[in-house]
Amino acid sequence: MRSTPLSIRLLPVALLTVLAIAGCSSDAVKPNPTPAEFNGLGSGSPGDPSTTRMGGSDSGTIFGIGKGPKDKDQGTGGGGSGIGVNAFLWRGALDTISFMPLASADPFGGVIITDWYTPPGTSGERFKATVYILSRDLRSDGVRVNIYRQVLQNGQWVDATVADSTVGDIENKVLARARHMREQLQTSS
């Protein structure tokens, strides 16, 4: 019997896994809050478990599976998408870092990872970003950005520091873009 590479033997398993995961989608994902529920920073303090991603009414469910019918009747004013995080923050983050190549995006987990990006006119420096959407509400603490920087030294990429203001600037741009999109939706309705 001829030996086959491991990757070819695992291909059917990988395909079945992808199909099984795709078949698990649910319409029961709680929609984003209505515009009336937004009050700039959310409905509670940052430590309030009802406004954080962990805990609250959707605690103990995976991707909204297992929610009762009462949750399906709530308003859809936050973009009403089937993602697990605030749609405005998600789209604002994607728009803000759109100049960087996207490596992966997980709308249910709220994680966006870019590939390395070298700014035009700069050959010895590159950047990578990871954006975390931490809330289902449009809140100032609902987004966290990590920026990684490397410089080319003696033919090898070496980690370098990133200015503290860079991370804050990108987070503020994500929030500004998200708020702008929310305002556009409210005025068009």
N, C-alpha and C. Protein backbone atom coordinates (compact mmCIF):
# COMPACT_ATOMS: atom_id res chain seq x y z
N MET A 1 0.84 -1.18 0.00
CA MET A 1 0.00 0.00 0.00
C MET A 1 0.88 1.23 0.00
N ARG A 2 0.55 2.20 -0.85
CA ARG A 2 1.30 3.43 -0.95
C ARG A 2 0.95 4.40 0.17
N SER A 3 1.94 5.04 0.71
CA SER A 3 1.71 6.01 1.77
C SER A 3 1.28 7.34 1.16
N THR A 4 0.23 7.95 1.73
CA THR A 4 -0.22 9.27 1.26
C THR A 4 0.15 10.32 2.28
N PRO A 5 0.40 11.54 1.83
CA PRO A 5 0.74 12.59 2.79
C PRO A 5 -0.39 12.82 3.79
N LEU A 6 -0.02 13.22 4.97
CA LEU A 6 -0.97 13.46 6.04
C LEU A 6 -2.02 14.49 5.63
N SER A 7 -1.60 15.52 4.91
CA SER A 7 -2.55 16.57 4.52
C SER A 7 -3.65 16.04 3.62
N ILE A 8 -3.36 15.09 2.76
CA ILE A 8 -4.37 14.53 1.86
C ILE A 8 -5.31 13.61 2.65
N ARG A 9 -4.79 12.90 3.63
CA ARG A 9 -5.64 12.03 4.43
C ARG A 9 -6.56 12.83 5.33
N LEU A 10 -6.14 14.02 5.76
CA LEU A 10 -6.94 14.84 6.66
C LEU A 10 -7.91 15.75 5.91
N LEU A 11 -7.79 15.87 4.60
CA LEU A 11 -8.65 16.76 3.83
C LEU A 11 -10.13 16.44 4.01
N PRO A 12 -10.57 15.19 3.91
CA PRO A 12 -12.01 14.91 4.12
C PRO A 12 -12.48 15.29 5.52
N VAL A 13 -11.63 15.08 6.52
CA VAL A 13 -11.99 15.44 7.89
C VAL A 13 -12.16 16.96 8.01
N ALA A 14 -11.25 17.70 7.40
CA ALA A 14 -11.32 19.16 7.45
C ALA A 14 -12.58 19.66 6.75
N LEU A 15 -12.90 19.09 5.60
CA LEU A 15 -14.10 19.51 4.88
C LEU A 15 -15.36 19.21 5.68
N LEU A 16 -15.43 18.04 6.29
CA LEU A 16 -16.59 17.70 7.11
C LEU A 16 -16.71 18.63 8.31
N THR A 17 -15.59 19.00 8.91
CA THR A 17 -15.60 19.91 10.04
C THR A 17 -16.14 21.27 9.63
N VAL A 18 -15.69 21.79 8.50
CA VAL A 18 -16.16 23.08 8.02
C VAL A 18 -17.66 23.03 7.74
N LEU A 19 -18.11 21.97 7.09
CA LEU A 19 -19.54 21.84 6.81
C LEU A 19 -20.36 21.72 8.08
N ALA A 20 -19.85 21.01 9.07
CA ALA A 20 -20.58 20.87 10.33
C ALA A 20 -20.69 22.20 11.05
N ILE A 21 -19.62 22.98 11.04
CA ILE A 21 -19.65 24.28 11.69
C ILE A 21 -20.59 25.21 10.94
N ALA A 22 -20.56 25.18 9.62
CA ALA A 22 -21.44 26.04 8.84
C ALA A 22 -22.90 25.68 9.07
N GLY A 23 -23.18 24.43 9.29
CA GLY A 23 -24.54 23.99 9.53
C GLY A 23 -25.05 24.36 10.91
N CYS A 24 -24.19 24.81 11.77
CA CYS A 24 -24.58 25.16 13.13
C CYS A 24 -25.02 26.61 13.27
N SER A 25 -25.07 27.35 12.18
CA SER A 25 -25.46 28.75 12.29
C SER A 25 -26.89 28.84 12.79
N SER A 26 -27.21 29.98 13.39
CA SER A 26 -28.52 30.13 14.00
C SER A 26 -29.05 31.52 13.76
N ASP A 27 -30.36 31.63 13.60
CA ASP A 27 -30.99 32.94 13.49
C ASP A 27 -31.25 33.54 14.86
N ALA A 28 -30.88 32.82 15.91
CA ALA A 28 -31.20 33.26 17.25
C ALA A 28 -30.16 34.20 17.83
N VAL A 29 -29.20 34.69 17.04
CA VAL A 29 -28.20 35.60 17.56
C VAL A 29 -28.88 36.90 17.94
N LYS A 30 -28.63 37.35 19.14
CA LYS A 30 -29.26 38.57 19.63
C LYS A 30 -28.78 39.75 18.80
N PRO A 31 -29.70 40.53 18.25
CA PRO A 31 -29.29 41.68 17.45
C PRO A 31 -28.67 42.75 18.33
N ASN A 32 -27.99 43.67 17.70
CA ASN A 32 -27.40 44.78 18.44
C ASN A 32 -28.51 45.64 19.02
N PRO A 33 -28.23 46.39 20.07
CA PRO A 33 -29.24 47.21 20.71
C PRO A 33 -29.82 48.24 19.75
N THR A 34 -31.03 48.66 20.04
CA THR A 34 -31.67 49.69 19.23
C THR A 34 -30.99 51.02 19.49
N PRO A 35 -31.15 51.99 18.58
CA PRO A 35 -30.52 53.30 18.79
C PRO A 35 -30.93 53.93 20.11
N ALA A 36 -32.15 53.66 20.59
CA ALA A 36 -32.59 54.23 21.86
C ALA A 36 -31.78 53.68 23.03
N GLU A 37 -31.22 52.48 22.88
CA GLU A 37 -30.44 51.88 23.96
C GLU A 37 -29.01 52.40 24.00
N PHE A 38 -28.58 53.07 22.94
CA PHE A 38 -27.24 53.65 22.93
C PHE A 38 -27.28 54.97 23.69
N ASN A 39 -26.37 55.17 24.60
CA ASN A 39 -26.28 56.46 25.27
C ASN A 39 -24.84 56.92 25.30
N GLY A 40 -24.12 56.69 24.23
CA GLY A 40 -22.73 57.12 24.15
C GLY A 40 -21.79 56.08 24.71
N LEU A 41 -21.92 55.78 26.00
CA LEU A 41 -20.99 54.84 26.62
C LEU A 41 -21.67 53.56 27.05
N GLY A 42 -22.89 53.32 26.64
CA GLY A 42 -23.58 52.10 27.02
C GLY A 42 -24.52 52.35 28.16
N SER A 43 -25.15 51.30 28.65
CA SER A 43 -26.18 51.47 29.65
C SER A 43 -25.68 51.36 31.08
N GLY A 44 -24.44 51.04 31.28
CA GLY A 44 -23.94 50.89 32.64
C GLY A 44 -22.47 51.22 32.73
N SER A 45 -21.93 51.01 33.92
CA SER A 45 -20.52 51.29 34.13
C SER A 45 -19.68 50.19 33.49
N PRO A 46 -18.37 50.45 33.29
CA PRO A 46 -17.55 49.43 32.64
C PRO A 46 -17.53 48.10 33.37
N GLY A 47 -17.74 48.05 34.65
CA GLY A 47 -17.72 46.80 35.38
C GLY A 47 -19.07 46.11 35.46
N ASP A 48 -20.11 46.74 34.94
CA ASP A 48 -21.46 46.19 34.99
C ASP A 48 -21.54 44.94 34.11
N PRO A 49 -21.81 43.75 34.70
CA PRO A 49 -21.82 42.53 33.90
C PRO A 49 -22.91 42.51 32.83
N SER A 50 -23.94 43.29 32.96
CA SER A 50 -24.98 43.28 31.95
C SER A 50 -24.57 44.01 30.68
N THR A 51 -23.47 44.78 30.72
CA THR A 51 -23.04 45.50 29.54
C THR A 51 -21.73 45.00 28.99
N THR A 52 -21.14 44.00 29.62
CA THR A 52 -19.88 43.48 29.12
C THR A 52 -20.12 42.26 28.27
N ARG A 53 -19.14 41.84 27.56
CA ARG A 53 -19.26 40.71 26.66
C ARG A 53 -19.46 39.42 27.43
N MET A 54 -18.81 39.27 28.56
CA MET A 54 -18.97 38.09 29.39
C MET A 54 -20.06 38.38 30.40
N GLY A 55 -20.98 37.50 30.58
CA GLY A 55 -22.07 37.71 31.51
C GLY A 55 -23.24 38.37 30.81
N GLY A 56 -24.24 38.76 31.56
CA GLY A 56 -25.39 39.40 30.96
C GLY A 56 -26.37 38.38 30.43
N SER A 57 -27.31 38.85 29.61
CA SER A 57 -28.41 38.00 29.17
C SER A 57 -27.98 36.89 28.22
N ASP A 58 -26.84 37.04 27.55
CA ASP A 58 -26.43 35.99 26.63
C ASP A 58 -25.36 35.08 27.21
N SER A 59 -25.15 35.17 28.51
CA SER A 59 -24.15 34.34 29.15
C SER A 59 -24.55 32.88 29.07
N GLY A 60 -23.60 32.03 28.77
CA GLY A 60 -23.85 30.61 28.72
C GLY A 60 -24.34 30.11 27.39
N THR A 61 -24.41 30.97 26.39
CA THR A 61 -24.83 30.53 25.07
C THR A 61 -23.67 30.66 24.11
N ILE A 62 -23.71 29.88 23.07
CA ILE A 62 -22.68 29.94 22.05
C ILE A 62 -23.32 30.44 20.77
N PHE A 63 -22.85 31.57 20.25
CA PHE A 63 -23.36 32.16 19.02
C PHE A 63 -24.87 32.37 19.07
N GLY A 64 -25.42 32.55 20.26
CA GLY A 64 -26.85 32.80 20.39
C GLY A 64 -27.69 31.54 20.40
N ILE A 65 -27.08 30.37 20.29
CA ILE A 65 -27.84 29.12 20.28
C ILE A 65 -28.40 28.88 21.67
N GLY A 66 -29.65 28.50 21.75
CA GLY A 66 -30.27 28.22 23.03
C GLY A 66 -31.06 29.38 23.59
N LYS A 67 -31.13 30.47 22.86
CA LYS A 67 -31.88 31.61 23.33
C LYS A 67 -33.36 31.37 23.10
N GLY A 68 -34.15 31.91 23.95
CA GLY A 68 -35.60 31.76 23.83
C GLY A 68 -36.18 32.68 22.77
N PRO A 69 -37.45 32.49 22.42
CA PRO A 69 -38.08 33.29 21.39
C PRO A 69 -38.23 34.75 21.79
N LYS A 70 -38.25 35.06 23.09
CA LYS A 70 -38.40 36.45 23.49
C LYS A 70 -37.22 37.29 23.02
N ASP A 71 -36.02 36.71 22.90
CA ASP A 71 -34.85 37.46 22.46
C ASP A 71 -34.91 37.79 20.98
N LYS A 72 -35.66 37.00 20.20
CA LYS A 72 -35.74 37.24 18.76
C LYS A 72 -36.58 38.47 18.43
N ASP A 73 -37.43 38.90 19.36
CA ASP A 73 -38.35 39.99 19.08
C ASP A 73 -37.75 41.35 19.41
N GLN A 74 -36.51 41.43 19.86
CA GLN A 74 -35.93 42.70 20.21
C GLN A 74 -35.58 43.48 18.97
N GLY A 75 -35.43 44.80 19.12
CA GLY A 75 -35.17 45.68 17.98
C GLY A 75 -33.89 45.35 17.26
N THR A 76 -33.81 45.78 16.01
CA THR A 76 -32.64 45.49 15.20
C THR A 76 -31.88 46.75 14.84
N GLY A 77 -32.02 47.80 15.59
CA GLY A 77 -31.46 49.09 15.21
C GLY A 77 -29.96 49.19 15.27
N GLY A 78 -29.21 48.23 15.69
CA GLY A 78 -27.77 48.35 15.74
C GLY A 78 -27.11 47.79 14.50
N GLY A 79 -27.81 47.70 13.43
CA GLY A 79 -27.26 47.12 12.22
C GLY A 79 -27.89 45.78 11.95
N GLY A 80 -28.40 45.11 13.02
CA GLY A 80 -29.15 43.90 12.88
C GLY A 80 -28.42 42.76 12.18
N SER A 81 -27.12 42.76 12.22
CA SER A 81 -26.39 41.70 11.52
C SER A 81 -26.32 40.46 12.38
N GLY A 82 -25.87 39.38 11.80
CA GLY A 82 -25.77 38.12 12.51
C GLY A 82 -24.42 37.92 13.16
N ILE A 83 -23.69 38.98 13.45
CA ILE A 83 -22.40 38.82 14.08
C ILE A 83 -22.55 38.93 15.59
N GLY A 84 -21.57 38.47 16.32
CA GLY A 84 -21.65 38.42 17.77
C GLY A 84 -21.17 39.66 18.48
N VAL A 85 -20.81 40.68 17.76
CA VAL A 85 -20.33 41.91 18.37
C VAL A 85 -21.09 43.09 17.75
N ASN A 86 -20.86 44.28 18.26
CA ASN A 86 -21.53 45.46 17.74
C ASN A 86 -21.16 45.66 16.27
N ALA A 87 -22.15 45.74 15.42
CA ALA A 87 -21.92 45.86 13.98
C ALA A 87 -21.23 47.17 13.61
N PHE A 88 -21.53 48.25 14.33
CA PHE A 88 -20.91 49.53 14.03
C PHE A 88 -19.42 49.50 14.37
N LEU A 89 -19.07 48.94 15.54
CA LEU A 89 -17.66 48.83 15.91
C LEU A 89 -16.92 47.91 14.95
N TRP A 90 -17.56 46.81 14.58
CA TRP A 90 -16.95 45.86 13.66
C TRP A 90 -16.64 46.52 12.32
N ARG A 91 -17.63 47.18 11.75
CA ARG A 91 -17.44 47.81 10.44
C ARG A 91 -16.48 49.00 10.55
N GLY A 92 -16.57 49.74 11.65
CA GLY A 92 -15.65 50.86 11.86
C GLY A 92 -14.20 50.40 11.95
N ALA A 93 -13.99 49.25 12.60
CA ALA A 93 -12.63 48.71 12.70
C ALA A 93 -12.13 48.26 11.33
N LEU A 94 -12.99 47.56 10.59
CA LEU A 94 -12.59 47.11 9.25
C LEU A 94 -12.27 48.30 8.34
N ASP A 95 -13.10 49.33 8.39
CA ASP A 95 -12.87 50.52 7.56
C ASP A 95 -11.57 51.23 7.97
N THR A 96 -11.32 51.32 9.26
CA THR A 96 -10.15 52.05 9.76
C THR A 96 -8.85 51.39 9.36
N ILE A 97 -8.80 50.08 9.40
CA ILE A 97 -7.54 49.38 9.08
C ILE A 97 -7.55 48.79 7.68
N SER A 98 -8.45 49.27 6.83
CA SER A 98 -8.59 48.70 5.49
C SER A 98 -7.34 48.90 4.62
N PHE A 99 -6.46 49.80 4.97
CA PHE A 99 -5.23 50.01 4.20
C PHE A 99 -4.22 48.89 4.43
N MET A 100 -4.45 48.08 5.49
CA MET A 100 -3.55 46.97 5.80
C MET A 100 -4.14 45.67 5.26
N PRO A 101 -3.31 44.73 4.80
CA PRO A 101 -3.86 43.46 4.30
C PRO A 101 -4.47 42.65 5.45
N LEU A 102 -5.64 42.12 5.21
CA LEU A 102 -6.36 41.37 6.22
C LEU A 102 -5.88 39.92 6.25
N ALA A 103 -5.50 39.44 7.44
CA ALA A 103 -5.07 38.05 7.59
C ALA A 103 -6.24 37.18 8.02
N SER A 104 -7.04 37.65 9.00
CA SER A 104 -8.22 36.92 9.42
C SER A 104 -9.18 37.86 10.12
N ALA A 105 -10.46 37.47 10.09
CA ALA A 105 -11.50 38.24 10.76
C ALA A 105 -12.53 37.27 11.31
N ASP A 106 -12.79 37.35 12.60
CA ASP A 106 -13.76 36.48 13.26
C ASP A 106 -14.88 37.35 13.82
N PRO A 107 -16.01 37.49 13.11
CA PRO A 107 -17.07 38.36 13.58
C PRO A 107 -17.78 37.84 14.82
N PHE A 108 -17.72 36.55 15.09
CA PHE A 108 -18.36 36.02 16.29
C PHE A 108 -17.49 36.26 17.52
N GLY A 109 -16.19 36.12 17.37
CA GLY A 109 -15.27 36.37 18.47
C GLY A 109 -14.86 37.82 18.56
N GLY A 110 -15.08 38.59 17.50
CA GLY A 110 -14.75 40.01 17.51
C GLY A 110 -13.27 40.28 17.37
N VAL A 111 -12.57 39.48 16.56
CA VAL A 111 -11.12 39.66 16.40
C VAL A 111 -10.79 39.87 14.93
N ILE A 112 -10.02 40.91 14.66
CA ILE A 112 -9.53 41.20 13.31
C ILE A 112 -8.01 41.22 13.39
N ILE A 113 -7.36 40.45 12.52
CA ILE A 113 -5.90 40.39 12.50
C ILE A 113 -5.43 40.75 11.10
N THR A 114 -4.50 41.68 11.03
CA THR A 114 -3.95 42.05 9.74
C THR A 114 -2.63 41.32 9.52
N ASP A 115 -2.20 41.33 8.27
CA ASP A 115 -0.88 40.83 7.94
C ASP A 115 0.10 41.99 8.05
N TRP A 116 1.36 41.73 7.87
CA TRP A 116 2.36 42.79 7.95
C TRP A 116 2.15 43.79 6.82
N TYR A 117 2.29 45.07 7.17
CA TYR A 117 2.09 46.16 6.22
C TYR A 117 3.31 47.07 6.27
N THR A 118 3.86 47.35 5.09
CA THR A 118 4.97 48.29 4.98
C THR A 118 4.44 49.57 4.32
N PRO A 119 4.52 50.69 5.04
CA PRO A 119 4.01 51.95 4.46
C PRO A 119 4.78 52.31 3.19
N PRO A 120 4.09 52.95 2.23
CA PRO A 120 4.77 53.37 1.00
C PRO A 120 5.95 54.29 1.32
N GLY A 121 7.03 54.09 0.63
CA GLY A 121 8.22 54.92 0.83
C GLY A 121 9.07 54.51 2.01
N THR A 122 8.66 53.47 2.73
CA THR A 122 9.42 52.98 3.88
C THR A 122 9.74 51.52 3.65
N SER A 123 11.01 51.19 3.58
CA SER A 123 11.36 49.79 3.31
C SER A 123 11.87 49.06 4.55
N GLY A 124 12.27 49.75 5.57
CA GLY A 124 12.88 49.09 6.72
C GLY A 124 11.97 49.04 7.93
N GLU A 125 10.66 49.15 7.72
CA GLU A 125 9.74 49.17 8.85
C GLU A 125 8.41 48.55 8.40
N ARG A 126 7.79 47.75 9.28
CA ARG A 126 6.50 47.18 8.95
C ARG A 126 5.64 47.10 10.21
N PHE A 127 4.31 47.04 9.98
CA PHE A 127 3.35 47.06 11.08
C PHE A 127 2.34 45.94 10.91
N LYS A 128 1.80 45.52 12.04
CA LYS A 128 0.74 44.52 12.06
C LYS A 128 -0.23 44.95 13.15
N ALA A 129 -1.53 44.70 12.95
CA ALA A 129 -2.53 45.12 13.93
C ALA A 129 -3.45 43.97 14.29
N THR A 130 -3.89 43.97 15.55
CA THR A 130 -4.94 43.08 16.01
C THR A 130 -5.98 43.96 16.68
N VAL A 131 -7.23 43.83 16.24
CA VAL A 131 -8.32 44.63 16.80
C VAL A 131 -9.29 43.67 17.48
N TYR A 132 -9.65 44.01 18.72
CA TYR A 132 -10.60 43.23 19.49
C TYR A 132 -11.86 44.06 19.72
N ILE A 133 -13.01 43.56 19.30
CA ILE A 133 -14.27 44.20 19.61
C ILE A 133 -14.78 43.50 20.86
N LEU A 134 -14.92 44.26 21.94
CA LEU A 134 -15.17 43.67 23.25
C LEU A 134 -16.61 43.81 23.73
N SER A 135 -17.46 44.43 22.94
CA SER A 135 -18.80 44.72 23.42
C SER A 135 -19.84 44.56 22.33
N ARG A 136 -21.05 44.30 22.73
CA ARG A 136 -22.18 44.31 21.80
C ARG A 136 -22.78 45.71 21.74
N ASP A 137 -22.29 46.61 22.59
CA ASP A 137 -22.75 47.99 22.62
C ASP A 137 -21.69 48.88 21.99
N LEU A 138 -22.12 50.01 21.47
CA LEU A 138 -21.17 51.00 20.95
C LEU A 138 -20.68 51.81 22.14
N ARG A 139 -19.54 51.39 22.67
CA ARG A 139 -18.97 51.98 23.87
C ARG A 139 -17.52 52.33 23.62
N SER A 140 -17.03 53.31 24.36
CA SER A 140 -15.64 53.72 24.18
C SER A 140 -14.66 52.63 24.61
N ASP A 141 -15.06 51.78 25.53
CA ASP A 141 -14.19 50.68 25.94
C ASP A 141 -14.55 49.38 25.22
N GLY A 142 -15.30 49.48 24.14
CA GLY A 142 -15.72 48.31 23.38
C GLY A 142 -14.74 47.87 22.31
N VAL A 143 -13.63 48.59 22.17
CA VAL A 143 -12.63 48.23 21.16
C VAL A 143 -11.24 48.35 21.78
N ARG A 144 -10.40 47.37 21.47
CA ARG A 144 -9.00 47.41 21.92
C ARG A 144 -8.12 47.06 20.72
N VAL A 145 -7.07 47.83 20.53
CA VAL A 145 -6.18 47.65 19.39
C VAL A 145 -4.77 47.36 19.90
N ASN A 146 -4.13 46.39 19.28
CA ASN A 146 -2.71 46.12 19.52
C ASN A 146 -1.98 46.34 18.20
N ILE A 147 -0.92 47.13 18.24
CA ILE A 147 -0.12 47.39 17.05
C ILE A 147 1.27 46.82 17.31
N TYR A 148 1.78 46.09 16.32
CA TYR A 148 3.12 45.52 16.40
C TYR A 148 3.96 46.17 15.33
N ARG A 149 5.19 46.49 15.67
CA ARG A 149 6.10 47.16 14.74
C ARG A 149 7.42 46.41 14.71
N GLN A 150 7.95 46.25 13.51
CA GLN A 150 9.27 45.65 13.36
C GLN A 150 10.11 46.52 12.43
N VAL A 151 11.39 46.55 12.70
CA VAL A 151 12.34 47.26 11.85
C VAL A 151 13.37 46.27 11.32
N LEU A 152 13.86 46.56 10.13
CA LEU A 152 14.84 45.70 9.49
C LEU A 152 16.24 46.09 9.95
N GLN A 153 16.92 45.16 10.61
CA GLN A 153 18.28 45.40 11.09
C GLN A 153 19.14 44.21 10.69
N ASN A 154 20.20 44.51 9.92
CA ASN A 154 21.13 43.47 9.45
C ASN A 154 20.40 42.32 8.74
N GLY A 155 19.40 42.67 7.95
CA GLY A 155 18.68 41.68 7.17
C GLY A 155 17.64 40.87 7.93
N GLN A 156 17.38 41.20 9.18
CA GLN A 156 16.37 40.48 9.97
C GLN A 156 15.38 41.47 10.58
N TRP A 157 14.12 41.02 10.67
CA TRP A 157 13.09 41.85 11.29
C TRP A 157 13.19 41.74 12.80
N VAL A 158 13.26 42.90 13.46
CA VAL A 158 13.42 42.96 14.91
C VAL A 158 12.25 43.76 15.47
N ASP A 159 11.64 43.26 16.55
CA ASP A 159 10.53 43.96 17.19
C ASP A 159 10.99 45.33 17.68
N ALA A 160 10.13 46.32 17.52
CA ALA A 160 10.42 47.68 17.96
C ALA A 160 9.20 48.23 18.68
N THR A 161 9.41 49.31 19.41
CA THR A 161 8.32 49.91 20.17
C THR A 161 7.40 50.71 19.25
N VAL A 162 6.17 50.83 19.69
CA VAL A 162 5.16 51.62 18.99
C VAL A 162 4.81 52.79 19.90
N ALA A 163 4.68 53.96 19.32
CA ALA A 163 4.32 55.14 20.11
C ALA A 163 2.98 54.89 20.81
N ASP A 164 2.89 55.27 22.09
CA ASP A 164 1.67 55.06 22.87
C ASP A 164 0.47 55.74 22.21
N SER A 165 0.69 56.87 21.59
CA SER A 165 -0.43 57.61 21.00
C SER A 165 -0.99 56.91 19.76
N THR A 166 -0.20 56.06 19.11
CA THR A 166 -0.65 55.38 17.89
C THR A 166 -1.84 54.48 18.18
N VAL A 167 -1.77 53.68 19.21
CA VAL A 167 -2.87 52.77 19.56
C VAL A 167 -4.12 53.58 19.91
N GLY A 168 -3.97 54.61 20.72
CA GLY A 168 -5.11 55.45 21.09
C GLY A 168 -5.73 56.14 19.89
N ASP A 169 -4.89 56.60 18.97
CA ASP A 169 -5.40 57.26 17.76
C ASP A 169 -6.24 56.30 16.91
N ILE A 170 -5.77 55.09 16.76
CA ILE A 170 -6.50 54.11 15.95
C ILE A 170 -7.81 53.73 16.64
N GLU A 171 -7.78 53.52 17.94
CA GLU A 171 -9.01 53.21 18.67
C GLU A 171 -10.02 54.36 18.53
N ASN A 172 -9.55 55.60 18.62
CA ASN A 172 -10.44 56.76 18.47
C ASN A 172 -11.02 56.85 17.06
N LYS A 173 -10.22 56.50 16.05
CA LYS A 173 -10.73 56.51 14.68
C LYS A 173 -11.79 55.44 14.46
N VAL A 174 -11.59 54.27 15.06
CA VAL A 174 -12.60 53.21 14.97
C VAL A 174 -13.90 53.69 15.59
N LEU A 175 -13.81 54.28 16.79
CA LEU A 175 -15.01 54.76 17.48
C LEU A 175 -15.69 55.88 16.69
N ALA A 176 -14.90 56.79 16.15
CA ALA A 176 -15.48 57.89 15.37
C ALA A 176 -16.19 57.36 14.13
N ARG A 177 -15.58 56.40 13.46
CA ARG A 177 -16.21 55.82 12.26
C ARG A 177 -17.49 55.08 12.64
N ALA A 178 -17.47 54.34 13.74
CA ALA A 178 -18.65 53.61 14.19
C ALA A 178 -19.79 54.57 14.54
N ARG A 179 -19.48 55.65 15.23
CA ARG A 179 -20.50 56.63 15.59
C ARG A 179 -21.07 57.31 14.35
N HIS A 180 -20.20 57.61 13.40
CA HIS A 180 -20.64 58.23 12.15
C HIS A 180 -21.61 57.31 11.40
N MET A 181 -21.30 56.03 11.33
CA MET A 181 -22.19 55.09 10.64
C MET A 181 -23.53 54.96 11.38
N ARG A 182 -23.48 54.97 12.70
CA ARG A 182 -24.72 54.91 13.47
C ARG A 182 -25.58 56.14 13.21
N GLU A 183 -24.95 57.33 13.18
CA GLU A 183 -25.69 58.56 12.89
C GLU A 183 -26.29 58.53 11.49
N GLN A 184 -25.55 58.02 10.52
CA GLN A 184 -26.08 57.92 9.16
C GLN A 184 -27.29 57.00 9.10
N LEU A 185 -27.25 55.90 9.83
CA LEU A 185 -28.37 54.97 9.85
C LEU A 185 -29.59 55.61 10.51
N GLN A 186 -29.37 56.36 11.59
CA GLN A 186 -30.48 57.00 12.29
C GLN A 186 -31.13 58.09 11.44
N THR A 187 -30.33 58.85 10.70
CA THR A 187 -30.90 59.92 9.89
C THR A 187 -31.59 59.39 8.64
N SER A 188 -31.18 58.21 8.16
CA SER A 188 -31.81 57.66 6.98
C SER A 188 -33.10 56.90 7.33
N SER A 189 -33.28 56.59 8.59
CA SER A 189 -34.48 55.83 9.00
C SER A 189 -35.68 56.73 9.18
